[in-house]
Structures are given as C-alpha cells and as structure tokens.
C-alpha cells in the first residue's frame, strides 16, 4: 500500500485528472497537491535565491495558494482531505526534491501542464520527473 502520494498541481485539466486519479486509486493514502512557482533559469537566475528571482514572489505564492484551493475543491468532491504545498524553483527539480524531502512513495502527475499542451507524448516537466524521481511516477492522460 502507498501511504503518501504527491500530485503536482497547476490547475490544468491534466493535473486535475491526475488528482482525481490519485484520490480514486489511493483512497487511504495521504495526498499532497504541490504547486511550483517557476523561477528563471540560466546564467542570471543563478545569482539570487528563488525568492529574489521571481518578480512579486509573494503575489506568485498567493496565486499558487488560489490554484491549490481549486485542488481542495476537487478533493471535497471525493470526500477526501489533501495537504497542499507551494514551492519556488524549477518545477521538475522541486517536484523531485519534495518527493525526496517528504518521503513520498508515488508521484501521480498529468502528462502536461498549462504550458506544452501541444506536446503529443509527455510535457517536459513530466518527462524530467519520470527520468529523475527516486520513486514510482504515474502519468495520467
């Protein structure tokens, strides 16, 4: 049995499907919906911490909380409680780091998020998480 499920959640339809899948298939597990505020990468992004790299970081964090309220509404429809978390950073790195830090046993995620919807197979975040995660990853379409 899986005790702790992580669902990366960005408010997209695939993320909502992943959350619904997790709530259906792992009804006795602790489920955490994680929103990652993306931070700039590359040369200039390496000089500051995540808080300094995101313009209006507090506002971005608040927006993440609003998106996670949508996830909580979905869980209410399943008569389930979920935990939520917001992190700043590169989404695929933060998802993997959260899974490692919080003893997550399975990651359930959408095949693509708000960006990259035109991708036929996997979005780049999902693809990178599948390659790097230290735990099982279920990709929901």
N, C-alpha and C. Protein backbone atom coordinates (compact mmCIF):
# COMPACT_ATOMS: atom_id res chain seq x y z
N UNK A 1 0.83 -1.18 0.00
CA UNK A 1 0.00 0.00 0.00
C UNK A 1 0.88 1.25 0.00
N UNK A 2 0.44 2.25 -0.68
CA UNK A 2 1.14 3.52 -0.74
C UNK A 2 0.56 4.46 0.30
N UNK A 3 1.44 5.06 1.10
CA UNK A 3 0.98 5.91 2.19
C UNK A 3 0.99 7.40 1.87
N UNK A 4 1.90 7.84 1.00
CA UNK A 4 2.00 9.27 0.70
C UNK A 4 2.14 9.47 -0.80
N UNK A 5 1.16 10.17 -1.37
CA UNK A 5 1.10 10.44 -2.81
C UNK A 5 1.35 11.92 -3.03
N UNK A 6 2.16 12.25 -4.01
CA UNK A 6 2.38 13.64 -4.40
C UNK A 6 1.74 13.87 -5.76
N UNK A 7 0.93 14.93 -5.86
CA UNK A 7 0.32 15.30 -7.12
C UNK A 7 0.74 16.73 -7.45
N UNK A 8 1.66 16.89 -8.40
CA UNK A 8 1.99 18.24 -8.86
C UNK A 8 0.74 18.84 -9.48
N UNK A 9 0.37 20.05 -9.05
CA UNK A 9 -0.92 20.62 -9.46
C UNK A 9 -0.73 22.06 -9.91
N UNK A 10 -1.14 22.32 -11.16
CA UNK A 10 -1.02 23.68 -11.69
C UNK A 10 -2.35 24.23 -12.17
N UNK A 11 -3.42 23.53 -11.87
CA UNK A 11 -4.74 24.00 -12.27
C UNK A 11 -5.15 23.58 -13.66
N UNK A 12 -4.29 22.90 -14.38
CA UNK A 12 -4.62 22.46 -15.74
C UNK A 12 -5.53 21.24 -15.69
N UNK A 13 -6.16 20.96 -16.80
CA UNK A 13 -7.05 19.79 -16.88
C UNK A 13 -6.29 18.48 -16.62
N UNK A 14 -5.09 18.28 -17.21
CA UNK A 14 -4.35 17.05 -16.90
C UNK A 14 -3.99 16.93 -15.40
N UNK A 15 -3.68 18.04 -14.76
CA UNK A 15 -3.37 18.00 -13.32
C UNK A 15 -4.61 17.63 -12.53
N UNK A 16 -5.75 18.15 -12.93
CA UNK A 16 -6.99 17.80 -12.24
C UNK A 16 -7.31 16.31 -12.42
N UNK A 17 -7.10 15.79 -13.63
CA UNK A 17 -7.31 14.36 -13.86
C UNK A 17 -6.36 13.53 -12.99
N UNK A 18 -5.13 13.97 -12.87
CA UNK A 18 -4.16 13.25 -12.03
C UNK A 18 -4.61 13.25 -10.57
N UNK A 19 -5.10 14.38 -10.09
CA UNK A 19 -5.57 14.45 -8.71
C UNK A 19 -6.77 13.53 -8.51
N UNK A 20 -7.71 13.56 -9.44
CA UNK A 20 -8.87 12.68 -9.33
C UNK A 20 -8.44 11.22 -9.34
N UNK A 21 -7.50 10.89 -10.20
CA UNK A 21 -7.00 9.51 -10.26
C UNK A 21 -6.38 9.10 -8.93
N UNK A 22 -5.56 9.98 -8.37
CA UNK A 22 -4.91 9.68 -7.09
C UNK A 22 -5.95 9.48 -5.98
N UNK A 23 -6.97 10.32 -5.96
CA UNK A 23 -8.00 10.21 -4.93
C UNK A 23 -8.82 8.94 -5.09
N UNK A 24 -9.04 8.51 -6.33
CA UNK A 24 -9.79 7.27 -6.58
C UNK A 24 -8.97 6.03 -6.27
N UNK A 25 -7.73 6.01 -6.77
CA UNK A 25 -6.92 4.80 -6.69
C UNK A 25 -6.23 4.62 -5.34
N UNK A 26 -5.97 5.71 -4.65
CA UNK A 26 -5.24 5.65 -3.39
C UNK A 26 -6.08 6.32 -2.29
N UNK A 27 -7.28 5.83 -2.11
CA UNK A 27 -8.23 6.48 -1.21
C UNK A 27 -7.79 6.49 0.25
N UNK A 28 -6.90 5.61 0.64
CA UNK A 28 -6.45 5.58 2.04
C UNK A 28 -5.11 6.26 2.26
N UNK A 29 -4.53 6.81 1.20
CA UNK A 29 -3.20 7.43 1.29
C UNK A 29 -3.33 8.91 1.65
N UNK A 30 -2.25 9.46 2.17
CA UNK A 30 -2.13 10.90 2.34
C UNK A 30 -1.75 11.48 0.99
N UNK A 31 -2.52 12.46 0.53
CA UNK A 31 -2.28 13.07 -0.77
C UNK A 31 -1.88 14.52 -0.56
N UNK A 32 -0.80 14.92 -1.22
CA UNK A 32 -0.34 16.31 -1.19
C UNK A 32 -0.36 16.86 -2.60
N UNK A 33 -1.04 17.99 -2.78
CA UNK A 33 -1.01 18.71 -4.05
C UNK A 33 0.08 19.78 -3.94
N UNK A 34 0.99 19.78 -4.88
CA UNK A 34 2.13 20.70 -4.87
C UNK A 34 2.06 21.63 -6.06
N UNK A 35 2.12 22.93 -5.78
CA UNK A 35 2.21 23.94 -6.84
C UNK A 35 3.61 24.52 -6.79
N UNK A 36 4.27 24.58 -7.94
CA UNK A 36 5.62 25.15 -8.02
C UNK A 36 5.56 26.46 -8.80
N UNK A 37 5.97 27.54 -8.15
CA UNK A 37 6.10 28.83 -8.82
C UNK A 37 7.41 28.77 -9.60
N UNK A 38 7.34 28.81 -10.93
CA UNK A 38 8.58 28.69 -11.71
C UNK A 38 9.47 29.92 -11.53
N UNK A 39 10.77 29.67 -11.41
CA UNK A 39 11.75 30.74 -11.31
C UNK A 39 12.62 30.74 -12.55
N UNK A 40 13.18 31.90 -12.90
CA UNK A 40 14.07 31.97 -14.07
C UNK A 40 15.27 31.05 -13.90
N UNK A 41 15.68 30.49 -15.01
CA UNK A 41 16.85 29.61 -15.02
C UNK A 41 17.99 30.30 -15.76
N UNK A 42 19.04 29.59 -15.89
CA UNK A 42 20.16 30.08 -16.70
C UNK A 42 21.12 30.94 -15.90
N UNK A 43 21.93 31.66 -16.62
CA UNK A 43 23.03 32.43 -16.05
C UNK A 43 22.55 33.42 -14.99
N UNK A 44 21.60 34.28 -15.33
CA UNK A 44 21.17 35.32 -14.39
C UNK A 44 20.41 34.73 -13.21
N UNK A 45 19.70 33.65 -13.44
CA UNK A 45 18.96 33.03 -12.35
C UNK A 45 19.83 32.43 -11.28
N UNK A 46 21.10 32.18 -11.58
CA UNK A 46 21.97 31.53 -10.60
C UNK A 46 22.51 32.48 -9.54
N UNK A 47 22.31 33.79 -9.71
CA UNK A 47 22.88 34.75 -8.78
C UNK A 47 22.03 35.00 -7.55
N UNK A 48 20.75 34.74 -7.61
CA UNK A 48 19.86 35.02 -6.50
C UNK A 48 19.18 33.75 -6.05
N UNK A 49 18.61 33.79 -4.85
CA UNK A 49 17.78 32.70 -4.38
C UNK A 49 16.43 32.76 -5.08
N UNK A 50 15.61 31.71 -4.94
CA UNK A 50 14.33 31.66 -5.65
C UNK A 50 13.42 32.86 -5.34
N UNK A 51 13.41 33.32 -4.11
CA UNK A 51 12.55 34.45 -3.74
C UNK A 51 12.93 35.71 -4.52
N UNK A 52 14.22 35.91 -4.77
CA UNK A 52 14.67 37.11 -5.46
C UNK A 52 14.51 37.00 -6.97
N UNK A 53 14.44 35.77 -7.50
CA UNK A 53 14.35 35.58 -8.94
C UNK A 53 12.93 35.76 -9.47
N UNK A 54 11.94 35.69 -8.61
CA UNK A 54 10.56 35.79 -9.05
C UNK A 54 10.05 37.19 -8.75
N UNK A 55 9.71 37.95 -9.80
CA UNK A 55 9.12 39.26 -9.53
C UNK A 55 7.81 39.06 -8.77
N UNK A 56 7.63 39.84 -7.73
CA UNK A 56 6.41 39.71 -6.91
C UNK A 56 6.24 38.30 -6.39
N UNK A 57 7.29 37.77 -5.76
CA UNK A 57 7.26 36.39 -5.27
C UNK A 57 6.09 36.13 -4.35
N UNK A 58 5.76 37.08 -3.51
CA UNK A 58 4.64 36.89 -2.58
C UNK A 58 3.32 36.79 -3.35
N UNK A 59 3.17 37.62 -4.36
CA UNK A 59 1.96 37.56 -5.19
C UNK A 59 1.89 36.22 -5.94
N UNK A 60 3.02 35.75 -6.43
CA UNK A 60 3.06 34.46 -7.13
C UNK A 60 2.71 33.33 -6.17
N UNK A 61 3.19 33.41 -4.95
CA UNK A 61 2.87 32.42 -3.93
C UNK A 61 1.37 32.42 -3.63
N UNK A 62 0.80 33.62 -3.53
CA UNK A 62 -0.64 33.75 -3.28
C UNK A 62 -1.44 33.13 -4.43
N UNK A 63 -0.99 33.36 -5.65
CA UNK A 63 -1.66 32.76 -6.81
C UNK A 63 -1.58 31.24 -6.75
N UNK A 64 -0.44 30.73 -6.31
CA UNK A 64 -0.30 29.29 -6.13
C UNK A 64 -1.29 28.75 -5.10
N UNK A 65 -1.47 29.49 -4.02
CA UNK A 65 -2.44 29.09 -2.99
C UNK A 65 -3.85 29.07 -3.56
N UNK A 66 -4.18 30.05 -4.41
CA UNK A 66 -5.50 30.08 -5.04
C UNK A 66 -5.71 28.85 -5.93
N UNK A 67 -4.69 28.50 -6.68
CA UNK A 67 -4.78 27.33 -7.55
C UNK A 67 -4.95 26.07 -6.70
N UNK A 68 -4.26 26.02 -5.57
CA UNK A 68 -4.38 24.85 -4.70
C UNK A 68 -5.74 24.79 -4.02
N UNK A 69 -6.41 25.93 -3.87
CA UNK A 69 -7.79 25.91 -3.36
C UNK A 69 -8.69 25.15 -4.33
N UNK A 70 -8.41 25.27 -5.63
CA UNK A 70 -9.15 24.50 -6.63
C UNK A 70 -8.93 23.00 -6.41
N UNK A 71 -7.69 22.63 -6.08
CA UNK A 71 -7.38 21.23 -5.80
C UNK A 71 -8.15 20.75 -4.57
N UNK A 72 -8.25 21.60 -3.57
CA UNK A 72 -9.00 21.25 -2.37
C UNK A 72 -10.48 21.07 -2.71
N UNK A 73 -11.01 21.90 -3.61
CA UNK A 73 -12.40 21.74 -4.05
C UNK A 73 -12.60 20.39 -4.73
N UNK A 74 -11.63 19.98 -5.54
CA UNK A 74 -11.72 18.68 -6.19
C UNK A 74 -11.73 17.57 -5.14
N UNK A 75 -10.85 17.68 -4.15
CA UNK A 75 -10.80 16.64 -3.12
C UNK A 75 -12.10 16.60 -2.31
N UNK A 76 -12.73 17.75 -2.11
CA UNK A 76 -14.02 17.78 -1.41
C UNK A 76 -15.07 16.97 -2.15
N UNK A 77 -15.03 17.00 -3.49
CA UNK A 77 -15.97 16.22 -4.29
C UNK A 77 -15.79 14.72 -4.06
N UNK A 78 -14.59 14.33 -3.66
CA UNK A 78 -14.29 12.92 -3.38
C UNK A 78 -14.37 12.62 -1.89
N UNK A 79 -14.87 13.58 -1.13
CA UNK A 79 -14.98 13.45 0.32
C UNK A 79 -13.63 13.05 0.94
N UNK A 80 -12.59 13.73 0.47
CA UNK A 80 -11.24 13.44 0.92
C UNK A 80 -10.55 14.74 1.33
N UNK A 81 -9.59 14.60 2.20
CA UNK A 81 -8.77 15.74 2.60
C UNK A 81 -7.39 15.59 1.97
N UNK A 82 -6.84 16.72 1.52
CA UNK A 82 -5.49 16.70 0.98
C UNK A 82 -4.68 17.79 1.67
N UNK A 83 -3.38 17.60 1.65
CA UNK A 83 -2.46 18.65 2.08
C UNK A 83 -2.04 19.41 0.83
N UNK A 84 -1.62 20.65 1.02
CA UNK A 84 -1.13 21.44 -0.11
C UNK A 84 0.20 22.07 0.25
N UNK A 85 0.99 22.36 -0.77
CA UNK A 85 2.29 22.99 -0.56
C UNK A 85 2.63 23.83 -1.78
N UNK A 86 3.33 24.93 -1.54
CA UNK A 86 3.82 25.79 -2.61
C UNK A 86 5.33 25.88 -2.47
N UNK A 87 6.03 25.72 -3.57
CA UNK A 87 7.48 25.89 -3.60
C UNK A 87 7.84 26.79 -4.76
N UNK A 88 8.98 27.43 -4.65
CA UNK A 88 9.53 28.24 -5.74
C UNK A 88 10.74 27.53 -6.30
N UNK A 89 10.87 27.51 -7.62
CA UNK A 89 12.03 26.89 -8.24
C UNK A 89 11.70 26.36 -9.61
N UNK A 90 12.55 25.50 -10.11
CA UNK A 90 12.33 24.83 -11.38
C UNK A 90 11.36 23.68 -11.12
N UNK A 91 10.20 23.66 -11.79
CA UNK A 91 9.17 22.69 -11.42
C UNK A 91 9.63 21.24 -11.31
N UNK A 92 10.33 20.72 -12.30
CA UNK A 92 10.72 19.31 -12.21
C UNK A 92 11.68 19.07 -11.06
N UNK A 93 12.60 19.99 -10.81
CA UNK A 93 13.54 19.83 -9.69
C UNK A 93 12.81 19.88 -8.36
N UNK A 94 11.88 20.81 -8.23
CA UNK A 94 11.15 20.95 -6.96
C UNK A 94 10.23 19.77 -6.69
N UNK A 95 9.64 19.22 -7.73
CA UNK A 95 8.78 18.04 -7.55
C UNK A 95 9.61 16.87 -7.03
N UNK A 96 10.75 16.63 -7.66
CA UNK A 96 11.63 15.54 -7.22
C UNK A 96 12.15 15.80 -5.82
N UNK A 97 12.57 17.03 -5.54
CA UNK A 97 13.09 17.37 -4.21
C UNK A 97 12.02 17.19 -3.14
N UNK A 98 10.80 17.60 -3.44
CA UNK A 98 9.71 17.43 -2.47
C UNK A 98 9.49 15.95 -2.19
N UNK A 99 9.50 15.14 -3.24
CA UNK A 99 9.31 13.70 -3.06
C UNK A 99 10.39 13.11 -2.17
N UNK A 100 11.62 13.57 -2.34
CA UNK A 100 12.73 13.09 -1.50
C UNK A 100 12.61 13.61 -0.08
N UNK A 101 12.32 14.89 0.07
CA UNK A 101 12.28 15.52 1.40
C UNK A 101 11.13 15.01 2.26
N UNK A 102 10.02 14.68 1.64
CA UNK A 102 8.80 14.37 2.40
C UNK A 102 8.43 12.88 2.37
N UNK A 103 9.34 12.03 2.00
CA UNK A 103 9.12 10.59 1.99
C UNK A 103 7.88 10.19 1.18
N UNK A 104 7.74 10.80 0.03
CA UNK A 104 6.65 10.46 -0.88
C UNK A 104 6.95 9.09 -1.48
N UNK A 105 5.92 8.28 -1.64
CA UNK A 105 6.13 6.95 -2.20
C UNK A 105 5.75 6.85 -3.67
N UNK A 106 4.85 7.71 -4.12
CA UNK A 106 4.43 7.71 -5.52
C UNK A 106 4.09 9.13 -5.93
N UNK A 107 4.47 9.48 -7.16
CA UNK A 107 4.07 10.75 -7.75
C UNK A 107 3.05 10.44 -8.83
N UNK A 108 1.91 11.13 -8.76
CA UNK A 108 0.87 10.98 -9.79
C UNK A 108 0.74 12.34 -10.44
N UNK A 109 1.03 12.41 -11.75
CA UNK A 109 1.00 13.73 -12.40
C UNK A 109 0.39 13.66 -13.78
N UNK A 110 -0.09 14.82 -14.22
CA UNK A 110 -0.65 14.93 -15.56
C UNK A 110 0.43 14.83 -16.61
N UNK A 111 0.04 14.46 -17.81
CA UNK A 111 1.01 14.27 -18.88
C UNK A 111 1.62 15.58 -19.34
N UNK A 112 0.93 16.68 -19.13
CA UNK A 112 1.47 18.01 -19.43
C UNK A 112 0.66 19.01 -18.62
N UNK A 113 1.22 20.19 -18.47
CA UNK A 113 0.55 21.21 -17.66
C UNK A 113 0.04 22.35 -18.50
N UNK A 114 0.01 23.52 -17.89
CA UNK A 114 -0.50 24.70 -18.58
C UNK A 114 0.33 25.04 -19.80
N UNK A 115 1.63 24.78 -19.74
CA UNK A 115 2.49 25.01 -20.89
C UNK A 115 2.77 23.67 -21.55
N UNK A 116 2.95 23.70 -22.83
CA UNK A 116 3.30 22.47 -23.53
C UNK A 116 2.11 21.59 -23.86
N UNK A 117 0.90 22.15 -23.84
CA UNK A 117 -0.28 21.35 -24.12
C UNK A 117 -0.22 20.74 -25.51
N UNK A 118 0.48 21.38 -26.42
CA UNK A 118 0.57 20.86 -27.77
C UNK A 118 1.46 19.63 -27.87
N UNK A 119 2.22 19.31 -26.83
CA UNK A 119 3.08 18.13 -26.87
C UNK A 119 2.24 16.87 -26.98
N UNK A 120 2.61 15.97 -27.86
CA UNK A 120 1.82 14.77 -28.09
C UNK A 120 2.03 13.74 -27.00
N UNK A 121 3.24 13.53 -26.57
CA UNK A 121 3.50 12.48 -25.59
C UNK A 121 3.54 13.04 -24.18
N UNK A 122 4.68 13.46 -23.72
CA UNK A 122 4.82 13.99 -22.36
C UNK A 122 5.31 15.42 -22.41
N UNK A 123 4.84 16.21 -21.47
CA UNK A 123 5.39 17.54 -21.31
C UNK A 123 6.79 17.42 -20.76
N UNK A 124 7.58 18.46 -20.90
CA UNK A 124 8.98 18.38 -20.46
C UNK A 124 9.10 18.19 -18.96
N UNK A 125 8.21 18.78 -18.17
CA UNK A 125 8.28 18.61 -16.71
C UNK A 125 7.99 17.15 -16.37
N UNK A 126 6.91 16.60 -16.92
CA UNK A 126 6.58 15.20 -16.64
C UNK A 126 7.71 14.27 -17.08
N UNK A 127 8.25 14.53 -18.24
CA UNK A 127 9.34 13.69 -18.75
C UNK A 127 10.55 13.74 -17.82
N UNK A 128 10.92 14.93 -17.37
CA UNK A 128 12.07 15.06 -16.47
C UNK A 128 11.81 14.41 -15.11
N UNK A 129 10.61 14.53 -14.60
CA UNK A 129 10.29 13.90 -13.31
C UNK A 129 10.37 12.38 -13.46
N UNK A 130 9.82 11.85 -14.53
CA UNK A 130 9.89 10.40 -14.76
C UNK A 130 11.34 9.94 -14.78
N UNK A 131 12.21 10.70 -15.39
CA UNK A 131 13.62 10.31 -15.51
C UNK A 131 14.38 10.45 -14.19
N UNK A 132 14.02 11.44 -13.36
CA UNK A 132 14.83 11.77 -12.19
C UNK A 132 14.27 11.32 -10.85
N UNK A 133 12.99 11.02 -10.79
CA UNK A 133 12.36 10.73 -9.50
C UNK A 133 12.89 9.44 -8.88
N UNK A 134 13.09 9.46 -7.57
CA UNK A 134 13.57 8.28 -6.87
C UNK A 134 12.44 7.31 -6.50
N UNK A 135 11.20 7.67 -6.89
CA UNK A 135 10.03 6.85 -6.56
C UNK A 135 9.24 6.60 -7.84
N UNK A 136 8.22 5.76 -7.75
CA UNK A 136 7.38 5.48 -8.89
C UNK A 136 6.62 6.73 -9.31
N UNK A 137 6.47 6.89 -10.62
CA UNK A 137 5.72 8.02 -11.18
C UNK A 137 4.64 7.47 -12.08
N UNK A 138 3.39 7.88 -11.82
CA UNK A 138 2.27 7.52 -12.68
C UNK A 138 1.90 8.78 -13.46
N UNK A 139 1.87 8.65 -14.77
CA UNK A 139 1.50 9.78 -15.63
C UNK A 139 0.08 9.53 -16.12
N UNK A 140 -0.79 10.50 -15.85
CA UNK A 140 -2.20 10.38 -16.19
C UNK A 140 -2.49 11.26 -17.39
N UNK A 141 -3.18 10.71 -18.36
CA UNK A 141 -3.56 11.48 -19.56
C UNK A 141 -4.99 11.92 -19.45
